[in-house]
Amino acid sequence: MEASELRQFSVEDLTNRVKQWREELFRARLKKMGSEMKDVSVFKKLRHDIARGLLVIGEKKRGVTVAKQTGAADSSKAAVTSPVLEDKPVSKTKAKKAKTEVEDKT
């Protein structure tokens, strides 16, 4: 399942799905130990689904909004905006580095 599909669910639904995927992964591991499973690609798919679910849960808890870009080059990429990250003060070393990069370009 893709992250864009997961963003439509609430945090409770996502936590239930992640719990469900973890149980499926556990059962799949047991089947593999008992030599009942031959298709081991299920492990990778379940781990990726779990990671995507946790990513979207974290985004929702932090209040990150993801908006799709409408560009001719690649419309599948998404722009991430975070009000939390924009308000953070920048350290002096990062500010100096950014300043020198701007000066180097001119």
PDB file of N, CA and C in Angstrom:
ATOM      1  N   MET A   1       0.849  -1.171   0.000  1.00  0.00           N
ATOM      2  CA  MET A   1       0.000   0.000   0.000  1.00  0.00           C
ATOM      3  C   MET A   1       0.898   1.239   0.000  1.00  0.00           C
ATOM      4  N   GLU A   2       0.553   2.225  -0.786  1.00  0.00           N
ATOM      5  CA  GLU A   2       1.367   3.427  -0.903  1.00  0.00           C
ATOM      6  C   GLU A   2       1.039   4.420   0.209  1.00  0.00           C
ATOM      7  N   ALA A   3       2.004   5.309   0.462  1.00  0.00           N
ATOM      8  CA  ALA A   3       1.836   6.294   1.528  1.00  0.00           C
ATOM      9  C   ALA A   3       0.682   7.242   1.228  1.00  0.00           C
ATOM     10  N   SER A   4       0.475   7.574  -0.042  1.00  0.00           N
ATOM     11  CA  SER A   4      -0.636   8.471  -0.386  1.00  0.00           C
ATOM     12  C   SER A   4      -1.983   7.847  -0.030  1.00  0.00           C
ATOM     13  N   GLU A   5      -2.093   6.531  -0.164  1.00  0.00           N
ATOM     14  CA  GLU A   5      -3.319   5.853   0.225  1.00  0.00           C
ATOM     15  C   GLU A   5      -3.470   5.826   1.747  1.00  0.00           C
ATOM     16  N   LEU A   6      -2.357   5.658   2.441  1.00  0.00           N
ATOM     17  CA  LEU A   6      -2.394   5.568   3.898  1.00  0.00           C
ATOM     18  C   LEU A   6      -2.742   6.905   4.545  1.00  0.00           C
ATOM     19  N   ARG A   7      -2.427   8.010   3.874  1.00  0.00           N
ATOM     20  CA  ARG A   7      -2.700   9.333   4.448  1.00  0.00           C
ATOM     21  C   ARG A   7      -4.191   9.614   4.582  1.00  0.00           C
ATOM     22  N   GLN A   8      -5.011   8.842   3.913  1.00  0.00           N
ATOM     23  CA  GLN A   8      -6.458   9.039   3.983  1.00  0.00           C
ATOM     24  C   GLN A   8      -7.054   8.489   5.279  1.00  0.00           C
ATOM     25  N   PHE A   9      -6.321   7.630   5.971  1.00  0.00           N
ATOM     26  CA  PHE A   9      -6.826   6.999   7.188  1.00  0.00           C
ATOM     27  C   PHE A   9      -6.501   7.843   8.410  1.00  0.00           C
ATOM     28  N   SER A  10      -7.238   7.603   9.490  1.00  0.00           N
ATOM     29  CA  SER A  10      -6.962   8.285  10.747  1.00  0.00           C
ATOM     30  C   SER A  10      -5.793   7.585  11.456  1.00  0.00           C
ATOM     31  N   VAL A  11      -5.300   8.198  12.512  1.00  0.00           N
ATOM     32  CA  VAL A  11      -4.163   7.645  13.253  1.00  0.00           C
ATOM     33  C   VAL A  11      -4.554   6.304  13.894  1.00  0.00           C
ATOM     34  N   GLU A  12      -5.771   6.213  14.398  1.00  0.00           N
ATOM     35  CA  GLU A  12      -6.230   4.959  15.006  1.00  0.00           C
ATOM     36  C   GLU A  12      -6.277   3.829  13.986  1.00  0.00           C
ATOM     37  N   ASP A  13      -6.819   4.131  12.811  1.00  0.00           N
ATOM     38  CA  ASP A  13      -6.877   3.113  11.760  1.00  0.00           C
ATOM     39  C   ASP A  13      -5.480   2.672  11.346  1.00  0.00           C
ATOM     40  N   LEU A  14      -4.576   3.639  11.252  1.00  0.00           N
ATOM     41  CA  LEU A  14      -3.204   3.306  10.860  1.00  0.00           C
ATOM     42  C   LEU A  14      -2.506   2.447  11.905  1.00  0.00           C
ATOM     43  N   THR A  15      -2.709   2.764  13.184  1.00  0.00           N
ATOM     44  CA  THR A  15      -2.079   1.948  14.223  1.00  0.00           C
ATOM     45  C   THR A  15      -2.631   0.530  14.210  1.00  0.00           C
ATOM     46  N   ASN A  16      -3.929   0.399  13.932  1.00  0.00           N
ATOM     47  CA  ASN A  16      -4.514  -0.943  13.829  1.00  0.00           C
ATOM     48  C   ASN A  16      -3.937  -1.707  12.646  1.00  0.00           C
ATOM     49  N   ARG A  17      -3.758  -1.019  11.518  1.00  0.00           N
ATOM     50  CA  ARG A  17      -3.182  -1.674  10.338  1.00  0.00           C
ATOM     51  C   ARG A  17      -1.738  -2.089  10.588  1.00  0.00           C
ATOM     52  N   VAL A  18      -0.963  -1.226  11.235  1.00  0.00           N
ATOM     53  CA  VAL A  18       0.434  -1.560  11.535  1.00  0.00           C
ATOM     54  C   VAL A  18       0.487  -2.772  12.457  1.00  0.00           C
ATOM     55  N   LYS A  19      -0.393  -2.802  13.443  1.00  0.00           N
ATOM     56  CA  LYS A  19      -0.455  -3.951  14.349  1.00  0.00           C
ATOM     57  C   LYS A  19      -0.809  -5.226  13.586  1.00  0.00           C
ATOM     58  N   GLN A  20      -1.742  -5.093  12.661  1.00  0.00           N
ATOM     59  CA  GLN A  20      -2.148  -6.228  11.835  1.00  0.00           C
ATOM     60  C   GLN A  20      -0.982  -6.727  10.975  1.00  0.00           C
ATOM     61  N   TRP A  21      -0.244  -5.797  10.354  1.00  0.00           N
ATOM     62  CA  TRP A  21       0.900  -6.156   9.514  1.00  0.00           C
ATOM     63  C   TRP A  21       2.000  -6.827  10.337  1.00  0.00           C
ATOM     64  N   ARG A  22       2.194  -6.357  11.561  1.00  0.00           N
ATOM     65  CA  ARG A  22       3.203  -6.984  12.429  1.00  0.00           C
ATOM     66  C   ARG A  22       2.817  -8.414  12.778  1.00  0.00           C
ATOM     67  N   GLU A  23       1.528  -8.632  13.031  1.00  0.00           N
ATOM     68  CA  GLU A  23       1.062  -9.991  13.311  1.00  0.00           C
ATOM     69  C   GLU A  23       1.238 -10.897  12.088  1.00  0.00           C
ATOM     70  N   GLU A  24       0.940 -10.358  10.906  1.00  0.00           N
ATOM     71  CA  GLU A  24       1.131 -11.128   9.675  1.00  0.00           C
ATOM     72  C   GLU A  24       2.600 -11.479   9.475  1.00  0.00           C
ATOM     73  N   LEU A  25       3.482 -10.534   9.768  1.00  0.00           N
ATOM     74  CA  LEU A  25       4.917 -10.778   9.634  1.00  0.00           C
ATOM     75  C   LEU A  25       5.362 -11.870  10.608  1.00  0.00           C
ATOM     76  N   PHE A  26       4.836 -11.837  11.815  1.00  0.00           N
ATOM     77  CA  PHE A  26       5.150 -12.866  12.806  1.00  0.00           C
ATOM     78  C   PHE A  26       4.695 -14.238  12.326  1.00  0.00           C
ATOM     79  N   ARG A  27       3.466 -14.300  11.828  1.00  0.00           N
ATOM     80  CA  ARG A  27       2.937 -15.576  11.334  1.00  0.00           C
ATOM     81  C   ARG A  27       3.733 -16.077  10.134  1.00  0.00           C
ATOM     82  N   ALA A  28       4.144 -15.161   9.274  1.00  0.00           N
ATOM     83  CA  ALA A  28       4.939 -15.547   8.105  1.00  0.00           C
ATOM     84  C   ALA A  28       6.284 -16.117   8.541  1.00  0.00           C
ATOM     85  N   ARG A  29       6.880 -15.527   9.572  1.00  0.00           N
ATOM     86  CA  ARG A  29       8.152 -16.054  10.079  1.00  0.00           C
ATOM     87  C   ARG A  29       7.975 -17.464  10.638  1.00  0.00           C
ATOM     88  N   LEU A  30       6.872 -17.679  11.345  1.00  0.00           N
ATOM     89  CA  LEU A  30       6.604 -19.020  11.873  1.00  0.00           C
ATOM     90  C   LEU A  30       6.415 -20.030  10.747  1.00  0.00           C
ATOM     91  N   LYS A  31       5.697 -19.624   9.696  1.00  0.00           N
ATOM     92  CA  LYS A  31       5.495 -20.521   8.563  1.00  0.00           C
ATOM     93  C   LYS A  31       6.820 -20.863   7.888  1.00  0.00           C
ATOM     94  N   LYS A  32       7.704 -19.874   7.792  1.00  0.00           N
ATOM     95  CA  LYS A  32       8.994 -20.120   7.155  1.00  0.00           C
ATOM     96  C   LYS A  32       9.828 -21.084   7.989  1.00  0.00           C
ATOM     97  N   MET A  33       9.765 -20.944   9.288  1.00  0.00           N
ATOM     98  CA  MET A  33      10.520 -21.852  10.167  1.00  0.00           C
ATOM     99  C   MET A  33       9.997 -23.281  10.045  1.00  0.00           C
ATOM    100  N   GLY A  34       8.721 -23.431   9.781  1.00  0.00           N
ATOM    101  CA  GLY A  34       8.127 -24.749   9.626  1.00  0.00           C
ATOM    102  C   GLY A  34       8.186 -25.241   8.191  1.00  0.00           C
ATOM    103  N   SER A  35       8.903 -24.553   7.334  1.00  0.00           N
ATOM    104  CA  SER A  35       9.067 -24.898   5.915  1.00  0.00           C
ATOM    105  C   SER A  35       7.742 -24.951   5.161  1.00  0.00           C
ATOM    106  N   GLU A  36       6.762 -24.176   5.593  1.00  0.00           N
ATOM    107  CA  GLU A  36       5.479 -24.121   4.905  1.00  0.00           C
ATOM    108  C   GLU A  36       5.446 -23.014   3.858  1.00  0.00           C
ATOM    109  N   MET A  37       6.413 -22.091   3.906  1.00  0.00           N
ATOM    110  CA  MET A  37       6.392 -20.929   3.031  1.00  0.00           C
ATOM    111  C   MET A  37       7.540 -21.010   2.028  1.00  0.00           C
ATOM    112  N   LYS A  38       7.201 -20.729   0.774  1.00  0.00           N
ATOM    113  CA  LYS A  38       8.232 -20.717  -0.258  1.00  0.00           C
ATOM    114  C   LYS A  38       8.461 -19.315  -0.801  1.00  0.00           C
ATOM    115  N   ASP A  39       7.449 -18.458  -0.754  1.00  0.00           N
ATOM    116  CA  ASP A  39       7.568 -17.088  -1.251  1.00  0.00           C
ATOM    117  C   ASP A  39       7.992 -16.172  -0.108  1.00  0.00           C
ATOM    118  N   VAL A  40       9.284 -15.873  -0.041  1.00  0.00           N
ATOM    119  CA  VAL A  40       9.805 -15.060   1.055  1.00  0.00           C
ATOM    120  C   VAL A  40       9.731 -13.560   0.756  1.00  0.00           C
ATOM    121  N   SER A  41       9.224 -13.174  -0.411  1.00  0.00           N
ATOM    122  CA  SER A  41       9.088 -11.754  -0.726  1.00  0.00           C
ATOM    123  C   SER A  41       8.033 -11.086   0.155  1.00  0.00           C
ATOM    124  N   VAL A  42       7.234 -11.887   0.826  1.00  0.00           N
ATOM    125  CA  VAL A  42       6.202 -11.363   1.732  1.00  0.00           C
ATOM    126  C   VAL A  42       6.846 -10.580   2.867  1.00  0.00           C
ATOM    127  N   PHE A  43       8.010 -11.036   3.328  1.00  0.00           N
ATOM    128  CA  PHE A  43       8.689 -10.359   4.432  1.00  0.00           C
ATOM    129  C   PHE A  43       9.012  -8.917   4.070  1.00  0.00           C
ATOM    130  N   LYS A  44       9.601  -8.738   2.908  1.00  0.00           N
ATOM    131  CA  LYS A  44       9.989  -7.392   2.476  1.00  0.00           C
ATOM    132  C   LYS A  44       8.754  -6.498   2.315  1.00  0.00           C
ATOM    133  N   LYS A  45       7.704  -7.032   1.704  1.00  0.00           N
ATOM    134  CA  LYS A  45       6.489  -6.251   1.491  1.00  0.00           C
ATOM    135  C   LYS A  45       5.867  -5.820   2.813  1.00  0.00           C
ATOM    136  N   LEU A  46       5.811  -6.739   3.771  1.00  0.00           N
ATOM    137  CA  LEU A  46       5.223  -6.405   5.073  1.00  0.00           C
ATOM    138  C   LEU A  46       6.082  -5.392   5.825  1.00  0.00           C
ATOM    139  N   ARG A  47       7.400  -5.554   5.786  1.00  0.00           N
ATOM    140  CA  ARG A  47       8.280  -4.595   6.466  1.00  0.00           C
ATOM    141  C   ARG A  47       8.131  -3.201   5.856  1.00  0.00           C
ATOM    142  N   HIS A  48       8.013  -3.128   4.540  1.00  0.00           N
ATOM    143  CA  HIS A  48       7.847  -1.830   3.890  1.00  0.00           C
ATOM    144  C   HIS A  48       6.488  -1.215   4.232  1.00  0.00           C
ATOM    145  N   ASP A  49       5.443  -2.027   4.276  1.00  0.00           N
ATOM    146  CA  ASP A  49       4.124  -1.517   4.658  1.00  0.00           C
ATOM    147  C   ASP A  49       4.130  -0.991   6.093  1.00  0.00           C
ATOM    148  N   ILE A  50       4.789  -1.718   6.986  1.00  0.00           N
ATOM    149  CA  ILE A  50       4.894  -1.277   8.380  1.00  0.00           C
ATOM    150  C   ILE A  50       5.627   0.060   8.453  1.00  0.00           C
ATOM    151  N   ALA A  51       6.729   0.170   7.721  1.00  0.00           N
ATOM    152  CA  ALA A  51       7.507   1.414   7.737  1.00  0.00           C
ATOM    153  C   ALA A  51       6.694   2.577   7.174  1.00  0.00           C
ATOM    154  N   ARG A  52       5.973   2.344   6.097  1.00  0.00           N
ATOM    155  CA  ARG A  52       5.143   3.412   5.524  1.00  0.00           C
ATOM    156  C   ARG A  52       4.051   3.837   6.505  1.00  0.00           C
ATOM    157  N   GLY A  53       3.430   2.866   7.150  1.00  0.00           N
ATOM    158  CA  GLY A  53       2.388   3.181   8.120  1.00  0.00           C
ATOM    159  C   GLY A  53       2.930   4.009   9.272  1.00  0.00           C
ATOM    160  N   LEU A  54       4.092   3.625   9.788  1.00  0.00           N
ATOM    161  CA  LEU A  54       4.697   4.387  10.884  1.00  0.00           C
ATOM    162  C   LEU A  54       5.109   5.781  10.437  1.00  0.00           C
ATOM    163  N   LEU A  55       5.555   5.910   9.187  1.00  0.00           N
ATOM    164  CA  LEU A  55       5.920   7.214   8.646  1.00  0.00           C
ATOM    165  C   LEU A  55       4.708   8.141   8.605  1.00  0.00           C
ATOM    166  N   VAL A  56       3.599   7.640   8.113  1.00  0.00           N
ATOM    167  CA  VAL A  56       2.394   8.464   8.010  1.00  0.00           C
ATOM    168  C   VAL A  56       1.845   8.804   9.393  1.00  0.00           C
ATOM    169  N   ILE A  57       1.925   7.861  10.328  1.00  0.00           N
ATOM    170  CA  ILE A  57       1.496   8.146  11.701  1.00  0.00           C
ATOM    171  C   ILE A  57       2.335   9.280  12.282  1.00  0.00           C
ATOM    172  N   GLY A  58       3.646   9.222  12.082  1.00  0.00           N
ATOM    173  CA  GLY A  58       4.527  10.281  12.567  1.00  0.00           C
ATOM    174  C   GLY A  58       4.222  11.617  11.919  1.00  0.00           C
ATOM    175  N   GLU A  59       3.944  11.610  10.614  1.00  0.00           N
ATOM    176  CA  GLU A  59       3.590  12.855   9.923  1.00  0.00           C
ATOM    177  C   GLU A  59       2.324  13.451  10.518  1.00  0.00           C
ATOM    178  N   LYS A  60       1.331  12.609  10.749  1.00  0.00           N
ATOM    179  CA  LYS A  60       0.059  13.105  11.278  1.00  0.00           C
ATOM    180  C   LYS A  60       0.223  13.642  12.698  1.00  0.00           C
ATOM    181  N   LYS A  61       1.047  13.000  13.505  1.00  0.00           N
ATOM    182  CA  LYS A  61       1.254  13.468  14.879  1.00  0.00           C
ATOM    183  C   LYS A  61       2.015  14.788  14.920  1.00  0.00           C
ATOM    184  N   ARG A  62       2.939  14.983  13.982  1.00  0.00           N
ATOM    185  CA  ARG A  62       3.701  16.231  13.933  1.00  0.00           C
ATOM    186  C   ARG A  62       2.957  17.340  13.211  1.00  0.00           C
ATOM    187  N   GLY A  63       1.928  17.001  12.472  1.00  0.00           N
ATOM    188  CA  GLY A  63       1.165  18.004  11.740  1.00  0.00           C
ATOM    189  C   GLY A  63       1.778  18.340  10.400  1.00  0.00           C
ATOM    190  N   VAL A  64       2.526  17.430   9.817  1.00  0.00           N
ATOM    191  CA  VAL A  64       3.145  17.663   8.522  1.00  0.00           C
ATOM    192  C   VAL A  64       2.101  17.448   7.447  1.00  0.00           C
ATOM    193  N   THR A  65       2.031  18.391   6.497  1.00  0.00           N
ATOM    194  CA  THR A  65       1.109  18.236   5.387  1.00  0.00           C
ATOM    195  C   THR A  65       1.896  17.944   4.123  1.00  0.00           C
ATOM    196  N   VAL A  66       1.393  17.054   3.323  1.00  0.00           N
ATOM    197  CA  VAL A  66       2.056  16.678   2.084  1.00  0.00           C
ATOM    198  C   VAL A  66       1.139  17.055   0.937  1.00  0.00           C
ATOM    199  N   ALA A  67       1.626  17.925   0.056  1.00  0.00           N
ATOM    200  CA  ALA A  67       0.842  18.360  -1.095  1.00  0.00           C
ATOM    201  C   ALA A  67       1.544  17.933  -2.365  1.00  0.00           C
ATOM    202  N   LYS A  68       0.793  17.411  -3.307  1.00  0.00           N
ATOM    203  CA  LYS A  68       1.380  16.983  -4.572  1.00  0.00           C
ATOM    204  C   LYS A  68       1.746  18.194  -5.402  1.00  0.00           C
ATOM    205  N   GLN A  69       2.893  18.096  -6.072  1.00  0.00           N
ATOM    206  CA  GLN A  69       3.331  19.160  -6.969  1.00  0.00           C
ATOM    207  C   GLN A  69       2.683  18.946  -8.325  1.00  0.00           C
ATOM    208  N   THR A  70       2.364  20.025  -8.975  1.00  0.00           N
ATOM    209  CA  THR A  70       1.821  19.926 -10.324  1.00  0.00           C
ATOM    210  C   THR A  70       2.857  20.472 -11.290  1.00  0.00           C
ATOM    211  N   GLY A  71       3.805  19.643 -11.632  1.00  0.00           N
ATOM    212  CA  GLY A  71       4.857  20.037 -12.553  1.00  0.00           C
ATOM    213  C   GLY A  71       4.901  19.112 -13.738  1.00  0.00           C
ATOM    214  N   ALA A  72       5.434  19.602 -14.838  1.00  0.00           N
ATOM    215  CA  ALA A  72       5.516  18.783 -16.041  1.00  0.00           C
ATOM    216  C   ALA A  72       6.631  17.755 -15.939  1.00  0.00           C
ATOM    217  N   ALA A  73       7.658  18.044 -15.151  1.00  0.00           N
ATOM    218  CA  ALA A  73       8.807  17.146 -15.069  1.00  0.00           C
ATOM    219  C   ALA A  73       8.448  15.830 -14.399  1.00  0.00           C
ATOM    220  N   ASP A  74       7.918  15.900 -13.193  1.00  0.00           N
ATOM    221  CA  ASP A  74       7.563  14.678 -12.481  1.00  0.00           C
ATOM    222  C   ASP A  74       6.409  14.990 -11.540  1.00  0.00           C
ATOM    223  N   SER A  75       5.242  14.538 -11.871  1.00  0.00           N
ATOM    224  CA  SER A  75       4.061  14.847 -11.060  1.00  0.00           C
ATOM    225  C   SER A  75       3.889  13.894  -9.893  1.00  0.00           C
ATOM    226  N   SER A  76       4.712  12.832  -9.813  1.00  0.00           N
ATOM    227  CA  SER A  76       4.554  11.870  -8.728  1.00  0.00           C
ATOM    228  C   SER A  76       5.246  12.317  -7.445  1.00  0.00           C
ATOM    229  N   LYS A  77       6.154  13.283  -7.532  1.00  0.00           N
ATOM    230  CA  LYS A  77       6.844  13.762  -6.334  1.00  0.00           C
ATOM    231  C   LYS A  77       5.923  14.656  -5.529  1.00  0.00           C
ATOM    232  N   ALA A  78       6.143  14.683  -4.227  1.00  0.00           N
ATOM    233  CA  ALA A  78       5.301  15.482  -3.345  1.00  0.00           C
ATOM    234  C   ALA A  78       6.157  16.487  -2.590  1.00  0.00           C
ATOM    235  N   ALA A  79       5.578  17.652  -2.338  1.00  0.00           N
ATOM    236  CA  ALA A  79       6.264  18.686  -1.565  1.00  0.00           C
ATOM    237  C   ALA A  79       5.829  18.559  -0.116  1.00  0.00           C
ATOM    238  N   VAL A  80       6.787  18.537   0.787  1.00  0.00           N
ATOM    239  CA  VAL A  80       6.490  18.389   2.204  1.00  0.00           C
ATOM    240  C   VAL A  80       6.688  19.737   2.875  1.00  0.00           C
ATOM    241  N   THR A  81       5.679  20.178   3.595  1.00  0.00           N
ATOM    242  CA  THR A  81       5.793  21.408   4.357  1.00  0.00           C
ATOM    243  C   THR A  81       5.545  21.090   5.813  1.00  0.00           C
ATOM    244  N   SER A  82       6.399  21.601   6.660  1.00  0.00           N
ATOM    245  CA  SER A  82       6.265  21.328   8.079  1.00  0.00           C
ATOM    246  C   SER A  82       6.331  22.631   8.850  1.00  0.00           C
ATOM    247  N   PRO A  83       5.251  23.004   9.523  1.00  0.00           N
ATOM    248  CA  PRO A  83       5.284  24.225  10.310  1.00  0.00           C
ATOM    249  C   PRO A  83       6.247  24.113  11.483  1.00  0.00           C
ATOM    250  N   VAL A  84       6.490  22.908  11.957  1.00  0.00           N
ATOM    251  CA  VAL A  84       7.391  22.711  13.090  1.00  0.00           C
ATOM    252  C   VAL A  84       8.822  23.016  12.688  1.00  0.00           C
ATOM    253  N   LEU A  85       9.227  22.546  11.520  1.00  0.00           N
ATOM    254  CA  LEU A  85      10.602  22.734  11.080  1.00  0.00           C
ATOM    255  C   LEU A  85      10.893  24.171  10.662  1.00  0.00           C
ATOM    256  N   GLU A  86       9.886  24.877  10.153  1.00  0.00           N
ATOM    257  CA  GLU A  86      10.107  26.247   9.712  1.00  0.00           C
ATOM    258  C   GLU A  86      10.348  27.195  10.876  1.00  0.00           C
ATOM    259  N   ASP A  87       9.811  26.906  12.037  1.00  0.00           N
ATOM    260  CA  ASP A  87       9.934  27.789  13.179  1.00  0.00           C
ATOM    261  C   ASP A  87      11.223  27.572  13.969  1.00  0.00           C
ATOM    262  N   LYS A  88      11.966  26.516  13.660  1.00  0.00           N
ATOM    263  CA  LYS A  88      13.177  26.226  14.409  1.00  0.00           C
ATOM    264  C   LYS A  88      14.268  27.249  14.087  1.00  0.00           C
ATOM    265  N   PRO A  89      14.994  27.705  15.101  1.00  0.00           N
ATOM    266  CA  PRO A  89      16.103  28.609  14.824  1.00  0.00           C
ATOM    267  C   PRO A  89      17.257  27.854  14.178  1.00  0.00           C
ATOM    268  N   VAL A  90      17.968  28.535  13.309  1.00  0.00           N
ATOM    269  CA  VAL A  90      19.093  27.929  12.596  1.00  0.00           C
ATOM    270  C   VAL A  90      20.355  28.194  13.403  1.00  0.00           C
ATOM    271  N   SER A  91      21.213  27.176  13.516  1.00  0.00           N
ATOM    272  CA  SER A  91      22.457  27.355  14.261  1.00  0.00           C
ATOM    273  C   SER A  91      23.391  28.294  13.499  1.00  0.00           C
ATOM    274  N   LYS A  92      24.363  28.847  14.207  1.00  0.00           N
ATOM    275  CA  LYS A  92      25.288  29.800  13.605  1.00  0.00           C
ATOM    276  C   LYS A  92      26.113  29.158  12.500  1.00  0.00           C
ATOM    277  N   THR A  93      26.525  27.912  12.704  1.00  0.00           N
ATOM    278  CA  THR A  93      27.350  27.261  11.687  1.00  0.00           C
ATOM    279  C   THR A  93      26.553  27.008  10.412  1.00  0.00           C
ATOM    280  N   LYS A  94      25.292  26.639  10.545  1.00  0.00           N
ATOM    281  CA  LYS A  94      24.466  26.436   9.362  1.00  0.00           C
ATOM    282  C   LYS A  94      24.213  27.756   8.639  1.00  0.00           C
ATOM    283  N   ALA A  95      24.018  28.817   9.409  1.00  0.00           N
ATOM    284  CA  ALA A  95      23.802  30.126   8.804  1.00  0.00           C
ATOM    285  C   ALA A  95      25.049  30.588   8.055  1.00  0.00           C
ATOM    286  N   LYS A  96      26.234  30.364   8.640  1.00  0.00           N
ATOM    287  CA  LYS A  96      27.483  30.737   7.969  1.00  0.00           C
ATOM    288  C   LYS A  96      27.677  29.922   6.702  1.00  0.00           C
ATOM    289  N   LYS A  97      27.389  28.652   6.780  1.00  0.00           N
ATOM    290  CA  LYS A  97      27.548  27.774   5.620  1.00  0.00           C
ATOM    291  C   LYS A  97      26.618  28.206   4.490  1.00  0.00           C
ATOM    292  N   ALA A  98      25.384  28.531   4.831  1.00  0.00           N
ATOM    293  CA  ALA A  98      24.430  28.983   3.821  1.00  0.00           C
ATOM    294  C   ALA A  98      24.873  30.308   3.220  1.00  0.00           C
ATOM    295  N   LYS A  99      25.416  31.170   4.055  1.00  0.00           N
ATOM    296  CA  LYS A  99      25.875  32.474   3.580  1.00  0.00           C
ATOM    297  C   LYS A  99      27.048  32.318   2.619  1.00  0.00           C
ATOM    298  N   THR A 100      27.979  31.446   2.940  1.00  0.00           N
ATOM    299  CA  THR A 100      29.129  31.232   2.061  1.00  0.00           C
ATOM    300  C   THR A 100      28.713  30.567   0.759  1.00  0.00           C
ATOM    301  N   GLU A 101      27.725  29.684   0.797  1.00  0.00           N
ATOM    302  CA  GLU A 101      27.244  29.063  -0.427  1.00  0.00           C
ATOM    303  C   GLU A 101      26.611  30.078  -1.348  1.00  0.00           C
ATOM    304  N   VAL A 102      25.869  31.040  -0.782  1.00  0.00           N
ATOM    305  CA  VAL A 102      25.240  32.096  -1.578  1.00  0.00           C
ATOM    306  C   VAL A 102      26.321  32.989  -2.165  1.00  0.00           C
ATOM    307  N   GLU A 103      27.350  33.318  -1.396  1.00  0.00           N
ATOM    308  CA  GLU A 103      28.431  34.177  -1.888  1.00  0.00           C
ATOM    309  C   GLU A 103      29.228  33.482  -2.982  1.00  0.00           C
ATOM    310  N   ASP A 104      29.401  32.168  -2.860  1.00  0.00           N
ATOM    311  CA  ASP A 104      30.151  31.420  -3.869  1.00  0.00           C
ATOM    312  C   ASP A 104      29.430  31.394  -5.212  1.00  0.00           C
ATOM    313  N   LYS A 105      28.120  31.404  -5.196  1.00  0.00           N
ATOM    314  CA  LYS A 105      27.336  31.346  -6.424  1.00  0.00           C
ATOM    315  C   LYS A 105      27.372  32.667  -7.177  1.00  0.00           C
ATOM    316  N   THR A 106      27.624  33.773  -6.462  1.00  0.00           N
ATOM    317  CA  THR A 106      27.619  35.081  -7.130  1.00  0.00           C
ATOM    318  C   THR A 106      28.944  35.440  -7.705  1.00  0.00           C
TER     319      THR A 106
END
